[in-house]
Amino acid sequence: MSLLEAFLMVTAFAYLACVFFTLVGKPPLFEIDDYQQAVFYFLAFFVIWIVAAPPFSISWPPQVYSLLGALYAFAAIGSFIGYPQRWMAYWRKNPEDGSDSGQIGMAFWDLAISISFLYLSLA
């Protein structure tokens, strides 16, 4: 397993954690229905698991990785500007107010996912 695949696998499990926290009443996103978040995060977990986990990762055409890389590039901008994904900040008194540093951190994470997929498309 390469470092990029390991990073993507950790991201997949983080999405699975998002499903769990959403189901126990601590959804990561503000103003998005809990059920929709749980379904979205489970699908994101499943897609990344299937696409990035070895032995599956060697069987996908580069276009799949390119498409996911482009999708996450858009997600990075969405995280950065806080639309549509405004991240909750449970360490604050009002979590729904979010956090500037949290938004920027999530933007960098999405950008790292995008770079990982685009790099895998070159292999």
PDB file of N, CA and C in Angstrom:
ATOM      1  N   MET A   1       0.856  -1.178   0.000  1.00  0.00           N
ATOM      2  CA  MET A   1       0.000   0.000   0.000  1.00  0.00           C
ATOM      3  C   MET A   1       0.898   1.235   0.000  1.00  0.00           C
ATOM      4  N   SER A   2       0.613   2.139  -0.908  1.00  0.00           N
ATOM      5  CA  SER A   2       1.386   3.376  -0.983  1.00  0.00           C
ATOM      6  C   SER A   2       0.907   4.361   0.088  1.00  0.00           C
ATOM      7  N   LEU A   3       1.695   5.401   0.299  1.00  0.00           N
ATOM      8  CA  LEU A   3       1.323   6.438   1.265  1.00  0.00           C
ATOM      9  C   LEU A   3       0.019   7.116   0.851  1.00  0.00           C
ATOM     10  N   LEU A   4      -0.167   7.342  -0.436  1.00  0.00           N
ATOM     11  CA  LEU A   4      -1.400   7.975  -0.917  1.00  0.00           C
ATOM     12  C   LEU A   4      -2.609   7.084  -0.670  1.00  0.00           C
ATOM     13  N   GLU A   5      -2.448   5.789  -0.930  1.00  0.00           N
ATOM     14  CA  GLU A   5      -3.552   4.866  -0.666  1.00  0.00           C
ATOM     15  C   GLU A   5      -3.861   4.805   0.826  1.00  0.00           C
ATOM     16  N   ALA A   6      -2.819   4.832   1.649  1.00  0.00           N
ATOM     17  CA  ALA A   6      -3.034   4.823   3.103  1.00  0.00           C
ATOM     18  C   ALA A   6      -3.779   6.083   3.549  1.00  0.00           C
ATOM     19  N   PHE A   7      -3.397   7.227   3.001  1.00  0.00           N
ATOM     20  CA  PHE A   7      -4.099   8.473   3.324  1.00  0.00           C
ATOM     21  C   PHE A   7      -5.566   8.396   2.916  1.00  0.00           C
ATOM     22  N   LEU A   8      -5.833   7.867   1.739  1.00  0.00           N
ATOM     23  CA  LEU A   8      -7.213   7.741   1.284  1.00  0.00           C
ATOM     24  C   LEU A   8      -7.993   6.744   2.137  1.00  0.00           C
ATOM     25  N   MET A   9      -7.345   5.690   2.598  1.00  0.00           N
ATOM     26  CA  MET A   9      -8.025   4.722   3.469  1.00  0.00           C
ATOM     27  C   MET A   9      -8.368   5.360   4.820  1.00  0.00           C
ATOM     28  N   VAL A  10      -7.450   6.154   5.363  1.00  0.00           N
ATOM     29  CA  VAL A  10      -7.734   6.878   6.607  1.00  0.00           C
ATOM     30  C   VAL A  10      -8.902   7.839   6.391  1.00  0.00           C
ATOM     31  N   THR A  11      -8.924   8.479   5.240  1.00  0.00           N
ATOM     32  CA  THR A  11     -10.041   9.370   4.915  1.00  0.00           C
ATOM     33  C   THR A  11     -11.346   8.595   4.837  1.00  0.00           C
ATOM     34  N   ALA A  12     -11.320   7.420   4.245  1.00  0.00           N
ATOM     35  CA  ALA A  12     -12.532   6.592   4.164  1.00  0.00           C
ATOM     36  C   ALA A  12     -13.039   6.269   5.564  1.00  0.00           C
ATOM     37  N   PHE A  13     -12.135   5.887   6.459  1.00  0.00           N
ATOM     38  CA  PHE A  13     -12.568   5.577   7.821  1.00  0.00           C
ATOM     39  C   PHE A  13     -13.035   6.826   8.567  1.00  0.00           C
ATOM     40  N   ALA A  14     -12.477   7.980   8.231  1.00  0.00           N
ATOM     41  CA  ALA A  14     -12.969   9.233   8.816  1.00  0.00           C
ATOM     42  C   ALA A  14     -14.408   9.491   8.365  1.00  0.00           C
ATOM     43  N   TYR A  15     -14.713   9.166   7.114  1.00  0.00           N
ATOM     44  CA  TYR A  15     -16.090   9.292   6.646  1.00  0.00           C
ATOM     45  C   TYR A  15     -17.018   8.332   7.396  1.00  0.00           C
ATOM     46  N   LEU A  16     -16.530   7.147   7.681  1.00  0.00           N
ATOM     47  CA  LEU A  16     -17.327   6.205   8.464  1.00  0.00           C
ATOM     48  C   LEU A  16     -17.559   6.761   9.872  1.00  0.00           C
ATOM     49  N   ALA A  17     -16.555   7.414  10.433  1.00  0.00           N
ATOM     50  CA  ALA A  17     -16.724   8.065  11.741  1.00  0.00           C
ATOM     51  C   ALA A  17     -17.766   9.181  11.651  1.00  0.00           C
ATOM     52  N   CYS A  18     -17.803   9.895  10.536  1.00  0.00           N
ATOM     53  CA  CYS A  18     -18.822  10.938  10.341  1.00  0.00           C
ATOM     54  C   CYS A  18     -20.223  10.343  10.374  1.00  0.00           C
ATOM     55  N   VAL A  19     -20.389   9.162   9.788  1.00  0.00           N
ATOM     56  CA  VAL A  19     -21.687   8.483   9.844  1.00  0.00           C
ATOM     57  C   VAL A  19     -22.053   8.214  11.295  1.00  0.00           C
ATOM     58  N   PHE A  20     -21.114   7.654  12.057  1.00  0.00           N
ATOM     59  CA  PHE A  20     -21.364   7.343  13.467  1.00  0.00           C
ATOM     60  C   PHE A  20     -21.736   8.604  14.253  1.00  0.00           C
ATOM     61  N   PHE A  21     -20.937   9.652  14.126  1.00  0.00           N
ATOM     62  CA  PHE A  21     -21.214  10.866  14.897  1.00  0.00           C
ATOM     63  C   PHE A  21     -22.513  11.534  14.475  1.00  0.00           C
ATOM     64  N   THR A  22     -22.857  11.430  13.214  1.00  0.00           N
ATOM     65  CA  THR A  22     -24.148  11.960  12.768  1.00  0.00           C
ATOM     66  C   THR A  22     -25.291  11.195  13.423  1.00  0.00           C
ATOM     67  N   LEU A  23     -25.158   9.882  13.491  1.00  0.00           N
ATOM     68  CA  LEU A  23     -26.218   9.054  14.072  1.00  0.00           C
ATOM     69  C   LEU A  23     -26.365   9.247  15.579  1.00  0.00           C
ATOM     70  N   VAL A  24     -25.296   9.705  16.255  1.00  0.00           N
ATOM     71  CA  VAL A  24     -25.398   9.955  17.700  1.00  0.00           C
ATOM     72  C   VAL A  24     -25.668  11.419  18.023  1.00  0.00           C
ATOM     73  N   GLY A  25     -26.010  12.203  17.002  1.00  0.00           N
ATOM     74  CA  GLY A  25     -26.452  13.577  17.233  1.00  0.00           C
ATOM     75  C   GLY A  25     -25.386  14.646  17.146  1.00  0.00           C
ATOM     76  N   LYS A  26     -24.230  14.325  16.589  1.00  0.00           N
ATOM     77  CA  LYS A  26     -23.156  15.317  16.409  1.00  0.00           C
ATOM     78  C   LYS A  26     -22.745  15.376  14.941  1.00  0.00           C
ATOM     79  N   PRO A  27     -23.655  15.843  14.087  1.00  0.00           N
ATOM     80  CA  PRO A  27     -23.334  15.869  12.653  1.00  0.00           C
ATOM     81  C   PRO A  27     -22.211  16.862  12.346  1.00  0.00           C
ATOM     82  N   PRO A  28     -21.345  16.528  11.398  1.00  0.00           N
ATOM     83  CA  PRO A  28     -20.229  17.410  11.068  1.00  0.00           C
ATOM     84  C   PRO A  28     -20.629  18.686  10.329  1.00  0.00           C
ATOM     85  N   LEU A  29     -21.740  18.636   9.601  1.00  0.00           N
ATOM     86  CA  LEU A  29     -22.138  19.775   8.778  1.00  0.00           C
ATOM     87  C   LEU A  29     -23.361  20.475   9.354  1.00  0.00           C
ATOM     88  N   PHE A  30     -23.400  21.790   9.158  1.00  0.00           N
ATOM     89  CA  PHE A  30     -24.502  22.611   9.625  1.00  0.00           C
ATOM     90  C   PHE A  30     -25.512  22.786   8.496  1.00  0.00           C
ATOM     91  N   GLU A  31     -26.778  22.812   8.853  1.00  0.00           N
ATOM     92  CA  GLU A  31     -27.896  23.068   7.931  1.00  0.00           C
ATOM     93  C   GLU A  31     -28.068  22.022   6.835  1.00  0.00           C
ATOM     94  N   ILE A  32     -27.587  20.816   7.074  1.00  0.00           N
ATOM     95  CA  ILE A  32     -27.834  19.707   6.160  1.00  0.00           C
ATOM     96  C   ILE A  32     -28.458  18.595   6.983  1.00  0.00           C
ATOM     97  N   ASP A  33     -29.562  18.056   6.497  1.00  0.00           N
ATOM     98  CA  ASP A  33     -30.308  17.030   7.205  1.00  0.00           C
ATOM     99  C   ASP A  33     -29.400  15.887   7.658  1.00  0.00           C
ATOM    100  N   ASP A  34     -29.603  15.424   8.897  1.00  0.00           N
ATOM    101  CA  ASP A  34     -28.760  14.356   9.449  1.00  0.00           C
ATOM    102  C   ASP A  34     -28.808  13.083   8.601  1.00  0.00           C
ATOM    103  N   TYR A  35     -29.995  12.715   8.150  1.00  0.00           N
ATOM    104  CA  TYR A  35     -30.130  11.509   7.337  1.00  0.00           C
ATOM    105  C   TYR A  35     -29.331  11.648   6.039  1.00  0.00           C
ATOM    106  N   GLN A  36     -29.440  12.803   5.404  1.00  0.00           N
ATOM    107  CA  GLN A  36     -28.699  13.039   4.162  1.00  0.00           C
ATOM    108  C   GLN A  36     -27.191  12.986   4.405  1.00  0.00           C
ATOM    109  N   GLN A  37     -26.751  13.549   5.536  1.00  0.00           N
ATOM    110  CA  GLN A  37     -25.325  13.493   5.870  1.00  0.00           C
ATOM    111  C   GLN A  37     -24.859  12.055   6.057  1.00  0.00           C
ATOM    112  N   ALA A  38     -25.636  11.269   6.807  1.00  0.00           N
ATOM    113  CA  ALA A  38     -25.250   9.879   7.069  1.00  0.00           C
ATOM    114  C   ALA A  38     -25.145   9.100   5.763  1.00  0.00           C
ATOM    115  N   VAL A  39     -26.111   9.265   4.875  1.00  0.00           N
ATOM    116  CA  VAL A  39     -26.087   8.566   3.589  1.00  0.00           C
ATOM    117  C   VAL A  39     -24.898   9.042   2.751  1.00  0.00           C
ATOM    118  N   PHE A  40     -24.690  10.349   2.687  1.00  0.00           N
ATOM    119  CA  PHE A  40     -23.576  10.896   1.910  1.00  0.00           C
ATOM    120  C   PHE A  40     -22.244  10.369   2.421  1.00  0.00           C
ATOM    121  N   TYR A  41     -22.039  10.410   3.729  1.00  0.00           N
ATOM    122  CA  TYR A  41     -20.756   9.973   4.278  1.00  0.00           C
ATOM    123  C   TYR A  41     -20.547   8.468   4.109  1.00  0.00           C
ATOM    124  N   PHE A  42     -21.631   7.701   4.189  1.00  0.00           N
ATOM    125  CA  PHE A  42     -21.466   6.270   3.951  1.00  0.00           C
ATOM    126  C   PHE A  42     -21.087   6.014   2.500  1.00  0.00           C
ATOM    127  N   LEU A  43     -21.723   6.715   1.571  1.00  0.00           N
ATOM    128  CA  LEU A  43     -21.378   6.564   0.158  1.00  0.00           C
ATOM    129  C   LEU A  43     -19.940   7.006  -0.115  1.00  0.00           C
ATOM    130  N   ALA A  44     -19.522   8.105   0.531  1.00  0.00           N
ATOM    131  CA  ALA A  44     -18.141   8.577   0.358  1.00  0.00           C
ATOM    132  C   ALA A  44     -17.156   7.543   0.892  1.00  0.00           C
ATOM    133  N   PHE A  45     -17.477   6.954   2.056  1.00  0.00           N
ATOM    134  CA  PHE A  45     -16.644   5.876   2.598  1.00  0.00           C
ATOM    135  C   PHE A  45     -16.541   4.732   1.596  1.00  0.00           C
ATOM    136  N   PHE A  46     -17.686   4.298   1.096  1.00  0.00           N
ATOM    137  CA  PHE A  46     -17.735   3.140   0.204  1.00  0.00           C
ATOM    138  C   PHE A  46     -16.969   3.403  -1.091  1.00  0.00           C
ATOM    139  N   VAL A  47     -17.173   4.567  -1.684  1.00  0.00           N
ATOM    140  CA  VAL A  47     -16.497   4.884  -2.957  1.00  0.00           C
ATOM    141  C   VAL A  47     -14.989   4.925  -2.754  1.00  0.00           C
ATOM    142  N   ILE A  48     -14.530   5.619  -1.728  1.00  0.00           N
ATOM    143  CA  ILE A  48     -13.084   5.700  -1.520  1.00  0.00           C
ATOM    144  C   ILE A  48     -12.521   4.328  -1.178  1.00  0.00           C
ATOM    145  N   TRP A  49     -13.257   3.552  -0.385  1.00  0.00           N
ATOM    146  CA  TRP A  49     -12.779   2.214  -0.039  1.00  0.00           C
ATOM    147  C   TRP A  49     -12.613   1.359  -1.297  1.00  0.00           C
ATOM    148  N   ILE A  50     -13.611   1.369  -2.148  1.00  0.00           N
ATOM    149  CA  ILE A  50     -13.575   0.546  -3.362  1.00  0.00           C
ATOM    150  C   ILE A  50     -12.515   1.042  -4.347  1.00  0.00           C
ATOM    151  N   VAL A  51     -12.349   2.350  -4.441  1.00  0.00           N
ATOM    152  CA  VAL A  51     -11.420   2.900  -5.432  1.00  0.00           C
ATOM    153  C   VAL A  51      -9.970   2.883  -4.944  1.00  0.00           C
ATOM    154  N   ALA A  52      -9.752   3.093  -3.644  1.00  0.00           N
ATOM    155  CA  ALA A  52      -8.386   3.273  -3.161  1.00  0.00           C
ATOM    156  C   ALA A  52      -7.784   2.065  -2.457  1.00  0.00           C
ATOM    157  N   ALA A  53      -8.610   1.148  -1.984  1.00  0.00           N
ATOM    158  CA  ALA A  53      -8.072   0.015  -1.224  1.00  0.00           C
ATOM    159  C   ALA A  53      -7.392  -0.976  -2.156  1.00  0.00           C
ATOM    160  N   PRO A  54      -6.163  -1.348  -1.818  1.00  0.00           N
ATOM    161  CA  PRO A  54      -5.593  -2.449  -2.584  1.00  0.00           C
ATOM    162  C   PRO A  54      -6.407  -3.693  -2.273  1.00  0.00           C
ATOM    163  N   PRO A  55      -6.738  -4.553  -3.022  1.00  0.00           N
ATOM    164  CA  PRO A  55      -6.415  -4.909  -4.395  1.00  0.00           C
ATOM    165  C   PRO A  55      -7.282  -4.207  -5.428  1.00  0.00           C
ATOM    166  N   PHE A  56      -8.285  -3.421  -4.991  1.00  0.00           N
ATOM    167  CA  PHE A  56      -9.179  -2.762  -5.953  1.00  0.00           C
ATOM    168  C   PHE A  56      -8.472  -1.648  -6.713  1.00  0.00           C
ATOM    169  N   SER A  57      -7.537  -0.958  -6.051  1.00  0.00           N
ATOM    170  CA  SER A  57      -6.955   0.251  -6.614  1.00  0.00           C
ATOM    171  C   SER A  57      -6.209   0.012  -7.919  1.00  0.00           C
ATOM    172  N   ILE A  58      -5.740  -1.188  -8.145  1.00  0.00           N
ATOM    173  CA  ILE A  58      -4.983  -1.428  -9.373  1.00  0.00           C
ATOM    174  C   ILE A  58      -5.876  -1.697 -10.578  1.00  0.00           C
ATOM    175  N   SER A  59      -7.167  -1.833 -10.360  1.00  0.00           N
ATOM    176  CA  SER A  59      -8.039  -2.232 -11.462  1.00  0.00           C
ATOM    177  C   SER A  59      -8.889  -1.093 -12.034  1.00  0.00           C
ATOM    178  N   TRP A  60      -8.739   0.112 -11.538  1.00  0.00           N
ATOM    179  CA  TRP A  60      -9.567   1.222 -12.015  1.00  0.00           C
ATOM    180  C   TRP A  60      -8.845   2.003 -13.103  1.00  0.00           C
ATOM    181  N   PRO A  61      -9.577   2.449 -14.116  1.00  0.00           N
ATOM    182  CA  PRO A  61      -8.940   3.268 -15.146  1.00  0.00           C
ATOM    183  C   PRO A  61      -8.576   4.650 -14.579  1.00  0.00           C
ATOM    184  N   PRO A  62      -7.571   5.288 -15.152  1.00  0.00           N
ATOM    185  CA  PRO A  62      -7.128   6.591 -14.643  1.00  0.00           C
ATOM    186  C   PRO A  62      -8.230   7.649 -14.647  1.00  0.00           C
ATOM    187  N   GLN A  63      -9.213   7.513 -15.529  1.00  0.00           N
ATOM    188  CA  GLN A  63     -10.288   8.498 -15.595  1.00  0.00           C
ATOM    189  C   GLN A  63     -11.104   8.542 -14.300  1.00  0.00           C
ATOM    190  N   VAL A  64     -11.228   7.405 -13.631  1.00  0.00           N
ATOM    191  CA  VAL A  64     -11.965   7.365 -12.363  1.00  0.00           C
ATOM    192  C   VAL A  64     -11.242   8.211 -11.327  1.00  0.00           C
ATOM    193  N   TYR A  65      -9.911   8.040 -11.236  1.00  0.00           N
ATOM    194  CA  TYR A  65      -9.129   8.834 -10.294  1.00  0.00           C
ATOM    195  C   TYR A  65      -9.178  10.318 -10.655  1.00  0.00           C
ATOM    196  N   SER A  66      -9.118  10.625 -11.952  1.00  0.00           N
ATOM    197  CA  SER A  66      -9.177  12.021 -12.395  1.00  0.00           C
ATOM    198  C   SER A  66     -10.507  12.658 -12.031  1.00  0.00           C
ATOM    199  N   LEU A  67     -11.588  11.918 -12.236  1.00  0.00           N
ATOM    200  CA  LEU A  67     -12.911  12.432 -11.898  1.00  0.00           C
ATOM    201  C   LEU A  67     -13.032  12.714 -10.400  1.00  0.00           C
ATOM    202  N   LEU A  68     -12.560  11.772  -9.580  1.00  0.00           N
ATOM    203  CA  LEU A  68     -12.609  11.977  -8.130  1.00  0.00           C
ATOM    204  C   LEU A  68     -11.698  13.122  -7.706  1.00  0.00           C
ATOM    205  N   GLY A  69     -10.552  13.256  -8.356  1.00  0.00           N
ATOM    206  CA  GLY A  69      -9.661  14.376  -8.060  1.00  0.00           C
ATOM    207  C   GLY A  69     -10.315  15.710  -8.359  1.00  0.00           C
ATOM    208  N   ALA A  70     -11.002  15.790  -9.499  1.00  0.00           N
ATOM    209  CA  ALA A  70     -11.707  17.029  -9.850  1.00  0.00           C
ATOM    210  C   ALA A  70     -12.847  17.301  -8.873  1.00  0.00           C
ATOM    211  N   LEU A  71     -13.576  16.275  -8.497  1.00  0.00           N
ATOM    212  CA  LEU A  71     -14.679  16.430  -7.543  1.00  0.00           C
ATOM    213  C   LEU A  71     -14.170  16.981  -6.211  1.00  0.00           C
ATOM    214  N   TYR A  72     -13.070  16.444  -5.731  1.00  0.00           N
ATOM    215  CA  TYR A  72     -12.531  16.912  -4.455  1.00  0.00           C
ATOM    216  C   TYR A  72     -11.883  18.289  -4.571  1.00  0.00           C
ATOM    217  N   ALA A  73     -11.435  18.687  -5.747  1.00  0.00           N
ATOM    218  CA  ALA A  73     -10.956  20.058  -5.934  1.00  0.00           C
ATOM    219  C   ALA A  73     -12.113  21.039  -5.727  1.00  0.00           C
ATOM    220  N   PHE A  74     -13.293  20.683  -6.260  1.00  0.00           N
ATOM    221  CA  PHE A  74     -14.475  21.514  -6.026  1.00  0.00           C
ATOM    222  C   PHE A  74     -14.872  21.498  -4.557  1.00  0.00           C
ATOM    223  N   ALA A  75     -14.773  20.325  -3.923  1.00  0.00           N
ATOM    224  CA  ALA A  75     -15.107  20.220  -2.499  1.00  0.00           C
ATOM    225  C   ALA A  75     -14.171  21.080  -1.659  1.00  0.00           C
ATOM    226  N   ALA A  76     -12.895  21.178  -2.067  1.00  0.00           N
ATOM    227  CA  ALA A  76     -11.942  22.001  -1.320  1.00  0.00           C
ATOM    228  C   ALA A  76     -12.381  23.463  -1.311  1.00  0.00           C
ATOM    229  N   ILE A  77     -12.837  23.939  -2.451  1.00  0.00           N
ATOM    230  CA  ILE A  77     -13.315  25.327  -2.509  1.00  0.00           C
ATOM    231  C   ILE A  77     -14.592  25.478  -1.686  1.00  0.00           C
ATOM    232  N   GLY A  78     -15.488  24.479  -1.752  1.00  0.00           N
ATOM    233  CA  GLY A  78     -16.704  24.515  -0.938  1.00  0.00           C
ATOM    234  C   GLY A  78     -16.378  24.567   0.541  1.00  0.00           C
ATOM    235  N   SER A  79     -15.393  23.792   0.967  1.00  0.00           N
ATOM    236  CA  SER A  79     -14.990  23.831   2.371  1.00  0.00           C
ATOM    237  C   SER A  79     -14.390  25.192   2.714  1.00  0.00           C
ATOM    238  N   PHE A  80     -13.580  25.714   1.817  1.00  0.00           N
ATOM    239  CA  PHE A  80     -12.914  26.986   2.082  1.00  0.00           C
ATOM    240  C   PHE A  80     -13.912  28.126   2.255  1.00  0.00           C
ATOM    241  N   ILE A  81     -14.914  28.183   1.377  1.00  0.00           N
ATOM    242  CA  ILE A  81     -15.875  29.298   1.459  1.00  0.00           C
ATOM    243  C   ILE A  81     -17.043  28.998   2.391  1.00  0.00           C
ATOM    244  N   GLY A  82     -17.156  27.750   2.842  1.00  0.00           N
ATOM    245  CA  GLY A  82     -18.235  27.396   3.762  1.00  0.00           C
ATOM    246  C   GLY A  82     -19.573  27.173   3.092  1.00  0.00           C
ATOM    247  N   TYR A  83     -19.555  26.871   1.789  1.00  0.00           N
ATOM    248  CA  TYR A  83     -20.801  26.586   1.090  1.00  0.00           C
ATOM    249  C   TYR A  83     -20.569  25.458   0.093  1.00  0.00           C
ATOM    250  N   PRO A  84     -21.332  24.443   0.051  1.00  0.00           N
ATOM    251  CA  PRO A  84     -22.483  24.152   0.912  1.00  0.00           C
ATOM    252  C   PRO A  84     -22.103  23.507   2.235  1.00  0.00           C
ATOM    253  N   GLN A  85     -20.808  23.158   2.393  1.00  0.00           N
ATOM    254  CA  GLN A  85     -20.440  22.477   3.621  1.00  0.00           C
ATOM    255  C   GLN A  85     -19.866  23.451   4.647  1.00  0.00           C
ATOM    256  N   ARG A  86     -20.695  23.817   5.592  1.00  0.00           N
ATOM    257  CA  ARG A  86     -20.247  24.637   6.720  1.00  0.00           C
ATOM    258  C   ARG A  86     -20.035  23.690   7.891  1.00  0.00           C
ATOM    259  N   TRP A  87     -18.798  23.546   8.294  1.00  0.00           N
ATOM    260  CA  TRP A  87     -18.431  22.563   9.294  1.00  0.00           C
ATOM    261  C   TRP A  87     -18.758  23.052  10.697  1.00  0.00           C
ATOM    262  N   MET A  88     -19.331  22.163  11.480  1.00  0.00           N
ATOM    263  CA  MET A  88     -19.634  22.467  12.884  1.00  0.00           C
ATOM    264  C   MET A  88     -18.321  22.528  13.664  1.00  0.00           C
ATOM    265  N   ALA A  89     -18.315  23.328  14.718  1.00  0.00           N
ATOM    266  CA  ALA A  89     -17.142  23.450  15.587  1.00  0.00           C
ATOM    267  C   ALA A  89     -17.609  23.182  17.019  1.00  0.00           C
ATOM    268  N   TYR A  90     -17.624  21.915  17.392  1.00  0.00           N
ATOM    269  CA  TYR A  90     -18.169  21.520  18.694  1.00  0.00           C
ATOM    270  C   TYR A  90     -17.324  21.995  19.867  1.00  0.00           C
ATOM    271  N   TRP A  91     -16.146  22.520  19.618  1.00  0.00           N
ATOM    272  CA  TRP A  91     -15.330  23.054  20.693  1.00  0.00           C
ATOM    273  C   TRP A  91     -15.720  24.492  21.051  1.00  0.00           C
ATOM    274  N   ARG A  92     -16.629  25.070  20.273  1.00  0.00           N
ATOM    275  CA  ARG A  92     -17.097  26.434  20.538  1.00  0.00           C
ATOM    276  C   ARG A  92     -18.425  26.399  21.287  1.00  0.00           C
ATOM    277  N   LYS A  93     -18.775  27.515  21.888  1.00  0.00           N
ATOM    278  CA  LYS A  93     -20.034  27.617  22.629  1.00  0.00           C
ATOM    279  C   LYS A  93     -21.221  27.383  21.706  1.00  0.00           C
ATOM    280  N   ASN A  94     -21.179  27.943  20.510  1.00  0.00           N
ATOM    281  CA  ASN A  94     -22.215  27.741  19.489  1.00  0.00           C
ATOM    282  C   ASN A  94     -21.589  27.003  18.304  1.00  0.00           C
ATOM    283  N   PRO A  95     -21.659  25.671  18.299  1.00  0.00           N
ATOM    284  CA  PRO A  95     -20.989  24.901  17.235  1.00  0.00           C
ATOM    285  C   PRO A  95     -21.422  25.281  15.828  1.00  0.00           C
ATOM    286  N   GLU A  96     -22.683  25.691  15.681  1.00  0.00           N
ATOM    287  CA  GLU A  96     -23.181  26.023  14.339  1.00  0.00           C
ATOM    288  C   GLU A  96     -22.522  27.278  13.765  1.00  0.00           C
ATOM    289  N   ASP A  97     -21.839  28.059  14.603  1.00  0.00           N
ATOM    290  CA  ASP A  97     -21.110  29.222  14.094  1.00  0.00           C
ATOM    291  C   ASP A  97     -19.888  28.809  13.280  1.00  0.00           C
ATOM    292  N   GLY A  98     -19.473  27.578  13.452  1.00  0.00           N
ATOM    293  CA  GLY A  98     -18.317  27.084  12.717  1.00  0.00           C
ATOM    294  C   GLY A  98     -17.024  27.703  13.220  1.00  0.00           C
ATOM    295  N   SER A  99     -15.992  27.542  12.425  1.00  0.00           N
ATOM    296  CA  SER A  99     -14.668  28.031  12.776  1.00  0.00           C
ATOM    297  C   SER A  99     -13.909  28.324  11.500  1.00  0.00           C
ATOM    298  N   ASP A 100     -13.315  29.505  11.424  1.00  0.00           N
ATOM    299  CA  ASP A 100     -12.537  29.843  10.237  1.00  0.00           C
ATOM    300  C   ASP A 100     -11.394  28.851  10.040  1.00  0.00           C
ATOM    301  N   SER A 101     -10.693  28.538  11.118  1.00  0.00           N
ATOM    302  CA  SER A 101      -9.573  27.600  10.995  1.00  0.00           C
ATOM    303  C   SER A 101     -10.069  26.192  10.649  1.00  0.00           C
ATOM    304  N   GLY A 102     -11.242  25.822  11.168  1.00  0.00           N
ATOM    305  CA  GLY A 102     -11.825  24.526  10.826  1.00  0.00           C
ATOM    306  C   GLY A 102     -12.164  24.441   9.346  1.00  0.00           C
ATOM    307  N   GLN A 103     -12.744  25.490   8.804  1.00  0.00           N
ATOM    308  CA  GLN A 103     -13.076  25.519   7.376  1.00  0.00           C
ATOM    309  C   GLN A 103     -11.815  25.407   6.528  1.00  0.00           C
ATOM    310  N   ILE A 104     -10.778  26.156   6.918  1.00  0.00           N
ATOM    311  CA  ILE A 104      -9.528  26.129   6.154  1.00  0.00           C
ATOM    312  C   ILE A 104      -8.871  24.760   6.269  1.00  0.00           C
ATOM    313  N   GLY A 105      -8.899  24.171   7.471  1.00  0.00           N
ATOM    314  CA  GLY A 105      -8.335  22.836   7.662  1.00  0.00           C
ATOM    315  C   GLY A 105      -9.031  21.798   6.799  1.00  0.00           C
ATOM    316  N   MET A 106     -10.363  21.869   6.739  1.00  0.00           N
ATOM    317  CA  MET A 106     -11.108  20.922   5.913  1.00  0.00           C
ATOM    318  C   MET A 106     -10.843  21.170   4.427  1.00  0.00           C
ATOM    319  N   ALA A 107     -10.637  22.430   4.058  1.00  0.00           N
ATOM    320  CA  ALA A 107     -10.299  22.731   2.660  1.00  0.00           C
ATOM    321  C   ALA A 107      -8.965  22.087   2.297  1.00  0.00           C
ATOM    322  N   PHE A 108      -7.981  22.176   3.195  1.00  0.00           N
ATOM    323  CA  PHE A 108      -6.687  21.546   2.921  1.00  0.00           C
ATOM    324  C   PHE A 108      -6.811  20.024   2.851  1.00  0.00           C
ATOM    325  N   TRP A 109      -7.660  19.446   3.695  1.00  0.00           N
ATOM    326  CA  TRP A 109      -7.847  17.997   3.659  1.00  0.00           C
ATOM    327  C   TRP A 109      -8.457  17.586   2.303  1.00  0.00           C
ATOM    328  N   ASP A 110      -9.509  18.310   1.885  1.00  0.00           N
ATOM    329  CA  ASP A 110     -10.112  18.014   0.581  1.00  0.00           C
ATOM    330  C   ASP A 110      -9.102  18.201  -0.552  1.00  0.00           C
ATOM    331  N   LEU A 111      -8.273  19.221  -0.428  1.00  0.00           N
ATOM    332  CA  LEU A 111      -7.250  19.449  -1.449  1.00  0.00           C
ATOM    333  C   LEU A 111      -6.245  18.300  -1.474  1.00  0.00           C
ATOM    334  N   ALA A 112      -5.864  17.801  -0.301  1.00  0.00           N
ATOM    335  CA  ALA A 112      -4.945  16.658  -0.234  1.00  0.00           C
ATOM    336  C   ALA A 112      -5.581  15.404  -0.849  1.00  0.00           C
ATOM    337  N   ILE A 113      -6.876  15.218  -0.633  1.00  0.00           N
ATOM    338  CA  ILE A 113      -7.582  14.091  -1.257  1.00  0.00           C
ATOM    339  C   ILE A 113      -7.553  14.249  -2.781  1.00  0.00           C
ATOM    340  N   SER A 114      -7.824  15.463  -3.242  1.00  0.00           N
ATOM    341  CA  SER A 114      -7.815  15.735  -4.680  1.00  0.00           C
ATOM    342  C   SER A 114      -6.444  15.441  -5.284  1.00  0.00           C
ATOM    343  N   ILE A 115      -5.399  15.915  -4.648  1.00  0.00           N
ATOM    344  CA  ILE A 115      -4.040  15.681  -5.142  1.00  0.00           C
ATOM    345  C   ILE A 115      -3.731  14.188  -5.155  1.00  0.00           C
ATOM    346  N   SER A 116      -4.166  13.474  -4.111  1.00  0.00           N
ATOM    347  CA  SER A 116      -3.921  12.032  -4.044  1.00  0.00           C
ATOM    348  C   SER A 116      -4.571  11.310  -5.216  1.00  0.00           C
ATOM    349  N   PHE A 117      -5.832  11.630  -5.477  1.00  0.00           N
ATOM    350  CA  PHE A 117      -6.513  10.977  -6.604  1.00  0.00           C
ATOM    351  C   PHE A 117      -5.871  11.341  -7.935  1.00  0.00           C
ATOM    352  N   LEU A 118      -5.528  12.612  -8.118  1.00  0.00           N
ATOM    353  CA  LEU A 118      -4.913  13.011  -9.381  1.00  0.00           C
ATOM    354  C   LEU A 118      -3.547  12.351  -9.558  1.00  0.00           C
ATOM    355  N   TYR A 119      -2.801  12.196  -8.477  1.00  0.00           N
ATOM    356  CA  TYR A 119      -1.519  11.499  -8.569  1.00  0.00           C
ATOM    357  C   TYR A 119      -1.714  10.036  -8.943  1.00  0.00           C
ATOM    358  N   LEU A 120      -2.723   9.406  -8.342  1.00  0.00           N
ATOM    359  CA  LEU A 120      -3.008   8.006  -8.677  1.00  0.00           C
ATOM    360  C   LEU A 120      -3.447   7.846 -10.136  1.00  0.00           C
ATOM    361  N   SER A 121      -4.042   8.902 -10.698  1.00  0.00           N
ATOM    362  CA  SER A 121      -4.466   8.823 -12.101  1.00  0.00           C
ATOM    363  C   SER A 121      -3.266   8.770 -13.044  1.00  0.00           C
ATOM    364  N   LEU A 122      -2.112   9.197 -12.563  1.00  0.00           N
ATOM    365  CA  LEU A 122      -0.907   9.187 -13.396  1.00  0.00           C
ATOM    366  C   LEU A 122      -0.199   7.837 -13.371  1.00  0.00           C
ATOM    367  N   ALA A 123      -0.512   7.028 -12.378  1.00  0.00           N
ATOM    368  CA  ALA A 123       0.206   5.740 -12.222  1.00  0.00           C
ATOM    369  C   ALA A 123      -0.179   4.731 -13.273  1.00  0.00           C
TER     370      ALA A 123
END
